[in-house]
PDB file of all heavy atoms in Angstrom:
ATOM      1  N   PRO A   1      11.717  16.788   2.016  1.00  0.00           N
ATOM      2  CA  PRO A   1      11.456  15.357   2.181  1.00  0.00           C
ATOM      3  C   PRO A   1      10.009  14.963   1.876  1.00  0.00           C
ATOM      4  O   PRO A   1       9.709  13.823   1.766  1.00  0.00           O
ATOM      5  CB  PRO A   1      11.754  15.101   3.663  1.00  0.00           C
ATOM      6  CG  PRO A   1      12.600  16.256   4.075  1.00  0.00           C
ATOM      7  CD  PRO A   1      12.124  17.396   3.261  1.00  0.00           C
ATOM      8  N   ALA A   2       9.102  15.953   1.757  1.00  0.00           N
ATOM      9  CA  ALA A   2       7.681  15.641   1.573  1.00  0.00           C
ATOM     10  C   ALA A   2       7.409  14.724   0.392  1.00  0.00           C
ATOM     11  O   ALA A   2       6.701  13.752   0.530  1.00  0.00           O
ATOM     12  CB  ALA A   2       6.878  16.926   1.440  1.00  0.00           C
ATOM     13  N   PRO A   3       7.977  14.992  -0.822  1.00  0.00           N
ATOM     14  CA  PRO A   3       7.674  14.108  -1.947  1.00  0.00           C
ATOM     15  C   PRO A   3       8.084  12.656  -1.695  1.00  0.00           C
ATOM     16  O   PRO A   3       7.322  11.753  -1.972  1.00  0.00           O
ATOM     17  CB  PRO A   3       8.511  14.702  -3.095  1.00  0.00           C
ATOM     18  CG  PRO A   3       8.728  16.117  -2.706  1.00  0.00           C
ATOM     19  CD  PRO A   3       8.817  16.107  -1.213  1.00  0.00           C
ATOM     20  N   SER A   4       9.299  12.450  -1.140  1.00  0.00           N
ATOM     21  CA  SER A   4       9.757  11.085  -0.925  1.00  0.00           C
ATOM     22  C   SER A   4       8.909  10.384   0.125  1.00  0.00           C
ATOM     23  O   SER A   4       8.592   9.220   0.002  1.00  0.00           O
ATOM     24  CB  SER A   4      11.231  11.072  -0.493  1.00  0.00           C
ATOM     25  OG  SER A   4      11.387  11.796   0.710  1.00  0.00           O
ATOM     26  N   SER A   5       8.493  11.119   1.174  1.00  0.00           N
ATOM     27  CA  SER A   5       7.675  10.502   2.208  1.00  0.00           C
ATOM     28  C   SER A   5       6.302  10.157   1.654  1.00  0.00           C
ATOM     29  O   SER A   5       5.723   9.146   1.999  1.00  0.00           O
ATOM     30  CB  SER A   5       7.545  11.440   3.412  1.00  0.00           C
ATOM     31  OG  SER A   5       6.886  12.630   3.035  1.00  0.00           O
ATOM     32  N   ASN A   6       5.778  11.006   0.762  1.00  0.00           N
ATOM     33  CA  ASN A   6       4.480  10.717   0.148  1.00  0.00           C
ATOM     34  C   ASN A   6       4.559   9.471  -0.722  1.00  0.00           C
ATOM     35  O   ASN A   6       3.652   8.653  -0.739  1.00  0.00           O
ATOM     36  CB  ASN A   6       4.010  11.899  -0.717  1.00  0.00           C
ATOM     37  CG  ASN A   6       3.523  13.051   0.162  1.00  0.00           C
ATOM     38  OD1 ASN A   6       3.232  12.863   1.335  1.00  0.00           O
ATOM     39  ND2 ASN A   6       3.462  14.249  -0.413  1.00  0.00           N
ATOM     40  N   ASP A   7       5.664   9.346  -1.466  1.00  0.00           N
ATOM     41  CA  ASP A   7       5.852   8.164  -2.305  1.00  0.00           C
ATOM     42  C   ASP A   7       5.860   6.909  -1.453  1.00  0.00           C
ATOM     43  O   ASP A   7       5.270   5.893  -1.800  1.00  0.00           O
ATOM     44  CB  ASP A   7       7.172   8.256  -3.094  1.00  0.00           C
ATOM     45  CG  ASP A   7       7.105   9.360  -4.141  1.00  0.00           C
ATOM     46  OD1 ASP A   7       5.974   9.769  -4.481  1.00  0.00           O
ATOM     47  OD2 ASP A   7       8.169   9.794  -4.591  1.00  0.00           O
ATOM     48  N   LYS A   8       6.539   6.975  -0.315  1.00  0.00           N
ATOM     49  CA  LYS A   8       6.611   5.818   0.569  1.00  0.00           C
ATOM     50  C   LYS A   8       5.233   5.464   1.093  1.00  0.00           C
ATOM     51  O   LYS A   8       4.866   4.310   1.182  1.00  0.00           O
ATOM     52  CB  LYS A   8       7.563   6.098   1.737  1.00  0.00           C
ATOM     53  CG  LYS A   8       9.029   6.111   1.335  1.00  0.00           C
ATOM     54  CD  LYS A   8       9.908   6.433   2.525  1.00  0.00           C
ATOM     55  CE  LYS A   8      11.374   6.497   2.118  1.00  0.00           C
ATOM     56  NZ  LYS A   8      12.222   6.882   3.239  1.00  0.00           N
ATOM     57  N   MET A   9       4.461   6.519   1.445  1.00  0.00           N
ATOM     58  CA  MET A   9       3.120   6.278   1.964  1.00  0.00           C
ATOM     59  C   MET A   9       2.254   5.594   0.922  1.00  0.00           C
ATOM     60  O   MET A   9       1.493   4.687   1.222  1.00  0.00           O
ATOM     61  CB  MET A   9       2.484   7.608   2.374  1.00  0.00           C
ATOM     62  CG  MET A   9       3.062   8.189   3.651  1.00  0.00           C
ATOM     63  SD  MET A   9       2.716   7.149   5.082  1.00  0.00           S
ATOM     64  CE  MET A   9       0.954   7.448   5.250  1.00  0.00           C
ATOM     65  N   GLU A  10       2.373   6.056  -0.346  1.00  0.00           N
ATOM     66  CA  GLU A  10       1.565   5.483  -1.422  1.00  0.00           C
ATOM     67  C   GLU A  10       1.892   4.000  -1.623  1.00  0.00           C
ATOM     68  O   GLU A  10       1.005   3.176  -1.768  1.00  0.00           O
ATOM     69  CB  GLU A  10       1.797   6.246  -2.716  1.00  0.00           C
ATOM     70  CG  GLU A  10       1.149   7.627  -2.709  1.00  0.00           C
ATOM     71  CD  GLU A  10       1.499   8.444  -3.938  1.00  0.00           C
ATOM     72  OE1 GLU A  10       2.173   7.911  -4.833  1.00  0.00           O
ATOM     73  OE2 GLU A  10       1.090   9.608  -3.984  1.00  0.00           O
ATOM     74  N   THR A  11       3.186   3.686  -1.645  1.00  0.00           N
ATOM     75  CA  THR A  11       3.570   2.289  -1.863  1.00  0.00           C
ATOM     76  C   THR A  11       3.134   1.431  -0.686  1.00  0.00           C
ATOM     77  O   THR A  11       2.698   0.303  -0.856  1.00  0.00           O
ATOM     78  CB  THR A  11       5.098   2.159  -2.046  1.00  0.00           C
ATOM     79  OG1 THR A  11       5.755   2.798  -0.939  1.00  0.00           O
ATOM     80  CG2 THR A  11       5.547   2.813  -3.331  1.00  0.00           C
ATOM     81  N   GLU A  12       3.238   2.003   0.543  1.00  0.00           N
ATOM     82  CA  GLU A  12       2.807   1.242   1.710  1.00  0.00           C
ATOM     83  C   GLU A  12       1.306   0.977   1.656  1.00  0.00           C
ATOM     84  O   GLU A  12       0.842  -0.097   1.977  1.00  0.00           O
ATOM     85  CB  GLU A  12       3.150   2.012   2.994  1.00  0.00           C
ATOM     86  CG  GLU A  12       4.644   1.957   3.334  1.00  0.00           C
ATOM     87  CD  GLU A  12       4.977   2.833   4.522  1.00  0.00           C
ATOM     88  OE1 GLU A  12       4.037   3.412   5.111  1.00  0.00           O
ATOM     89  OE2 GLU A  12       6.158   2.951   4.862  1.00  0.00           O
ATOM     90  N   GLU A  13       0.540   2.008   1.213  1.00  0.00           N
ATOM     91  CA  GLU A  13      -0.912   1.844   1.117  1.00  0.00           C
ATOM     92  C   GLU A  13      -1.253   0.775   0.087  1.00  0.00           C
ATOM     93  O   GLU A  13      -2.137  -0.041   0.294  1.00  0.00           O
ATOM     94  CB  GLU A  13      -1.565   3.170   0.739  1.00  0.00           C
ATOM     95  CG  GLU A  13      -1.606   4.161   1.907  1.00  0.00           C
ATOM     96  CD  GLU A  13      -2.152   5.501   1.480  1.00  0.00           C
ATOM     97  OE1 GLU A  13      -2.543   5.620   0.305  1.00  0.00           O
ATOM     98  OE2 GLU A  13      -2.199   6.416   2.316  1.00  0.00           O
ATOM     99  N   GLU A  14      -0.522   0.793  -1.047  1.00  0.00           N
ATOM    100  CA  GLU A  14      -0.778  -0.204  -2.081  1.00  0.00           C
ATOM    101  C   GLU A  14      -0.479  -1.609  -1.563  1.00  0.00           C
ATOM    102  O   GLU A  14      -1.239  -2.533  -1.793  1.00  0.00           O
ATOM    103  CB  GLU A  14       0.080   0.080  -3.323  1.00  0.00           C
ATOM    104  CG  GLU A  14      -0.398   1.284  -4.109  1.00  0.00           C
ATOM    105  CD  GLU A  14       0.530   1.617  -5.262  1.00  0.00           C
ATOM    106  OE1 GLU A  14       1.532   0.906  -5.449  1.00  0.00           O
ATOM    107  OE2 GLU A  14       0.253   2.587  -5.965  1.00  0.00           O
ATOM    108  N   ASP A  15       0.625  -1.741  -0.846  1.00  0.00           N
ATOM    109  CA  ASP A  15       0.993  -3.045  -0.303  1.00  0.00           C
ATOM    110  C   ASP A  15      -0.063  -3.545   0.682  1.00  0.00           C
ATOM    111  O   ASP A  15      -0.377  -4.718   0.729  1.00  0.00           O
ATOM    112  CB  ASP A  15       2.355  -2.973   0.408  1.00  0.00           C
ATOM    113  CG  ASP A  15       3.483  -2.748  -0.596  1.00  0.00           C
ATOM    114  OD1 ASP A  15       3.257  -3.032  -1.785  1.00  0.00           O
ATOM    115  OD2 ASP A  15       4.557  -2.294  -0.195  1.00  0.00           O
ATOM    116  N   GLU A  16      -0.603  -2.591   1.463  1.00  0.00           N
ATOM    117  CA  GLU A  16      -1.600  -2.990   2.448  1.00  0.00           C
ATOM    118  C   GLU A  16      -2.926  -3.335   1.780  1.00  0.00           C
ATOM    119  O   GLU A  16      -3.651  -4.190   2.231  1.00  0.00           O
ATOM    120  CB  GLU A  16      -1.806  -1.856   3.455  1.00  0.00           C
ATOM    121  CG  GLU A  16      -0.616  -1.679   4.399  1.00  0.00           C
ATOM    122  CD  GLU A  16      -0.764  -0.464   5.292  1.00  0.00           C
ATOM    123  OE1 GLU A  16      -1.815   0.205   5.191  1.00  0.00           O
ATOM    124  OE2 GLU A  16       0.143  -0.177   6.069  1.00  0.00           O
ATOM    125  N   GLU A  17      -3.235  -2.638   0.678  1.00  0.00           N
ATOM    126  CA  GLU A  17      -4.524  -2.831   0.018  1.00  0.00           C
ATOM    127  C   GLU A  17      -4.577  -4.146  -0.764  1.00  0.00           C
ATOM    128  O   GLU A  17      -5.626  -4.737  -0.905  1.00  0.00           O
ATOM    129  CB  GLU A  17      -4.809  -1.668  -0.944  1.00  0.00           C
ATOM    130  CG  GLU A  17      -5.221  -0.388  -0.220  1.00  0.00           C
ATOM    131  CD  GLU A  17      -5.374   0.779  -1.166  1.00  0.00           C
ATOM    132  OE1 GLU A  17      -5.200   0.574  -2.380  1.00  0.00           O
ATOM    133  OE2 GLU A  17      -5.658   1.883  -0.696  1.00  0.00           O
ATOM    134  N   ILE A  18      -3.437  -4.602  -1.274  1.00  0.00           N
ATOM    135  CA  ILE A  18      -3.443  -5.798  -2.133  1.00  0.00           C
ATOM    136  C   ILE A  18      -4.059  -7.008  -1.416  1.00  0.00           C
ATOM    137  O   ILE A  18      -4.929  -7.651  -1.972  1.00  0.00           O
ATOM    138  CB  ILE A  18      -2.025  -6.114  -2.646  1.00  0.00           C
ATOM    139  CG1 ILE A  18      -1.643  -5.074  -3.703  1.00  0.00           C
ATOM    140  CG2 ILE A  18      -1.947  -7.514  -3.242  1.00  0.00           C
ATOM    141  CD1 ILE A  18      -0.204  -5.101  -4.122  1.00  0.00           C
ATOM    142  N   PRO A  19      -3.670  -7.332  -0.166  1.00  0.00           N
ATOM    143  CA  PRO A  19      -4.301  -8.478   0.488  1.00  0.00           C
ATOM    144  C   PRO A  19      -5.763  -8.229   0.850  1.00  0.00           C
ATOM    145  O   PRO A  19      -6.590  -9.103   0.738  1.00  0.00           O
ATOM    146  CB  PRO A  19      -3.457  -8.671   1.752  1.00  0.00           C
ATOM    147  CG  PRO A  19      -2.217  -7.877   1.539  1.00  0.00           C
ATOM    148  CD  PRO A  19      -2.593  -6.767   0.626  1.00  0.00           C
ATOM    149  N   SER A  20      -6.096  -7.013   1.322  1.00  0.00           N
ATOM    150  CA  SER A  20      -7.446  -6.752   1.813  1.00  0.00           C
ATOM    151  C   SER A  20      -8.430  -6.449   0.685  1.00  0.00           C
ATOM    152  O   SER A  20      -9.622  -6.682   0.822  1.00  0.00           O
ATOM    153  CB  SER A  20      -7.414  -5.571   2.795  1.00  0.00           C
ATOM    154  OG  SER A  20      -6.917  -4.410   2.154  1.00  0.00           O
ATOM    155  N   GLU A  21      -7.930  -5.920  -0.426  1.00  0.00           N
ATOM    156  CA  GLU A  21      -8.813  -5.527  -1.528  1.00  0.00           C
ATOM    157  C   GLU A  21      -9.340  -6.744  -2.283  1.00  0.00           C
ATOM    158  O   GLU A  21     -10.408  -6.694  -2.879  1.00  0.00           O
ATOM    159  CB  GLU A  21      -8.047  -4.609  -2.489  1.00  0.00           C
ATOM    160  CG  GLU A  21      -8.930  -3.969  -3.548  1.00  0.00           C
ATOM    161  CD  GLU A  21      -8.146  -3.039  -4.455  1.00  0.00           C
ATOM    162  OE1 GLU A  21      -6.968  -2.763  -4.157  1.00  0.00           O
ATOM    163  OE2 GLU A  21      -8.719  -2.612  -5.471  1.00  0.00           O
ATOM    164  N   PHE A  22      -8.583  -7.824  -2.263  1.00  0.00           N
ATOM    165  CA  PHE A  22      -8.977  -9.038  -2.981  1.00  0.00           C
ATOM    166  C   PHE A  22      -9.138 -10.209  -2.013  1.00  0.00           C
ATOM    167  O   PHE A  22      -8.658 -10.179  -0.898  1.00  0.00           O
ATOM    168  CB  PHE A  22      -7.932  -9.368  -4.056  1.00  0.00           C
ATOM    169  CG  PHE A  22      -7.682  -8.216  -4.986  1.00  0.00           C
ATOM    170  CD1 PHE A  22      -6.451  -7.577  -4.999  1.00  0.00           C
ATOM    171  CD2 PHE A  22      -8.668  -7.759  -5.839  1.00  0.00           C
ATOM    172  CE1 PHE A  22      -6.220  -6.502  -5.838  1.00  0.00           C
ATOM    173  CE2 PHE A  22      -8.453  -6.692  -6.679  1.00  0.00           C
ATOM    174  CZ  PHE A  22      -7.228  -6.058  -6.682  1.00  0.00           C
ATOM    175  N   ILE A  23      -9.808 -11.223  -2.498  1.00  0.00           N
ATOM    176  CA  ILE A  23     -10.096 -12.384  -1.649  1.00  0.00           C
ATOM    177  C   ILE A  23      -8.804 -13.113  -1.262  1.00  0.00           C
ATOM    178  O   ILE A  23      -7.838 -13.136  -2.021  1.00  0.00           O
ATOM    179  CB  ILE A  23     -11.060 -13.345  -2.383  1.00  0.00           C
ATOM    180  CG1 ILE A  23     -11.642 -14.366  -1.419  1.00  0.00           C
ATOM    181  CG2 ILE A  23     -10.354 -14.038  -3.554  1.00  0.00           C
ATOM    182  CD1 ILE A  23     -12.811 -15.126  -1.982  1.00  0.00           C
ATOM    183  N   SER A  24      -8.796 -13.664  -0.084  1.00  0.00           N
ATOM    184  CA  SER A  24      -7.618 -14.402   0.380  1.00  0.00           C
ATOM    185  C   SER A  24      -7.722 -15.871  -0.033  1.00  0.00           C
ATOM    186  O   SER A  24      -8.814 -16.364  -0.342  1.00  0.00           O
ATOM    187  CB  SER A  24      -7.497 -14.303   1.905  1.00  0.00           C
ATOM    188  OG  SER A  24      -8.574 -14.975   2.516  1.00  0.00           O
ATOM    189  N   ARG A  25      -6.596 -16.546  -0.016  1.00  0.00           N
ATOM    190  CA  ARG A  25      -6.582 -17.965  -0.385  1.00  0.00           C
ATOM    191  C   ARG A  25      -7.409 -18.790   0.613  1.00  0.00           C
ATOM    192  O   ARG A  25      -8.095 -19.750   0.237  1.00  0.00           O
ATOM    193  CB  ARG A  25      -5.141 -18.481  -0.415  1.00  0.00           C
ATOM    194  CG  ARG A  25      -5.050 -19.920  -0.895  1.00  0.00           C
ATOM    195  CD  ARG A  25      -3.628 -20.387  -0.948  1.00  0.00           C
ATOM    196  NE  ARG A  25      -2.870 -19.711  -1.975  1.00  0.00           N
ATOM    197  CZ  ARG A  25      -1.582 -19.943  -2.220  1.00  0.00           C
ATOM    198  NH1 ARG A  25      -0.923 -20.831  -1.491  1.00  0.00           N
ATOM    199  NH2 ARG A  25      -0.944 -19.294  -3.169  1.00  0.00           N
ATOM    200  N   LYS A  26      -7.385 -18.398   1.881  1.00  0.00           N
ATOM    201  CA  LYS A  26      -8.149 -19.115   2.906  1.00  0.00           C
ATOM    202  C   LYS A  26      -9.640 -19.060   2.609  1.00  0.00           C
ATOM    203  O   LYS A  26     -10.356 -20.055   2.725  1.00  0.00           O
ATOM    204  CB  LYS A  26      -7.865 -18.515   4.294  1.00  0.00           C
ATOM    205  CG  LYS A  26      -6.473 -18.833   4.816  1.00  0.00           C
ATOM    206  CD  LYS A  26      -6.278 -18.250   6.193  1.00  0.00           C
ATOM    207  CE  LYS A  26      -4.864 -18.557   6.714  1.00  0.00           C
ATOM    208  NZ  LYS A  26      -4.658 -17.957   8.059  1.00  0.00           N
TER     209      LYS A  26
END
């Protein structure tokens, strides 16, 4: 299961980084 769990972690990290890495609309 390690590869699939790593893939999930990567996508989750990317999703989390998108709002914080760039300026918000506010």
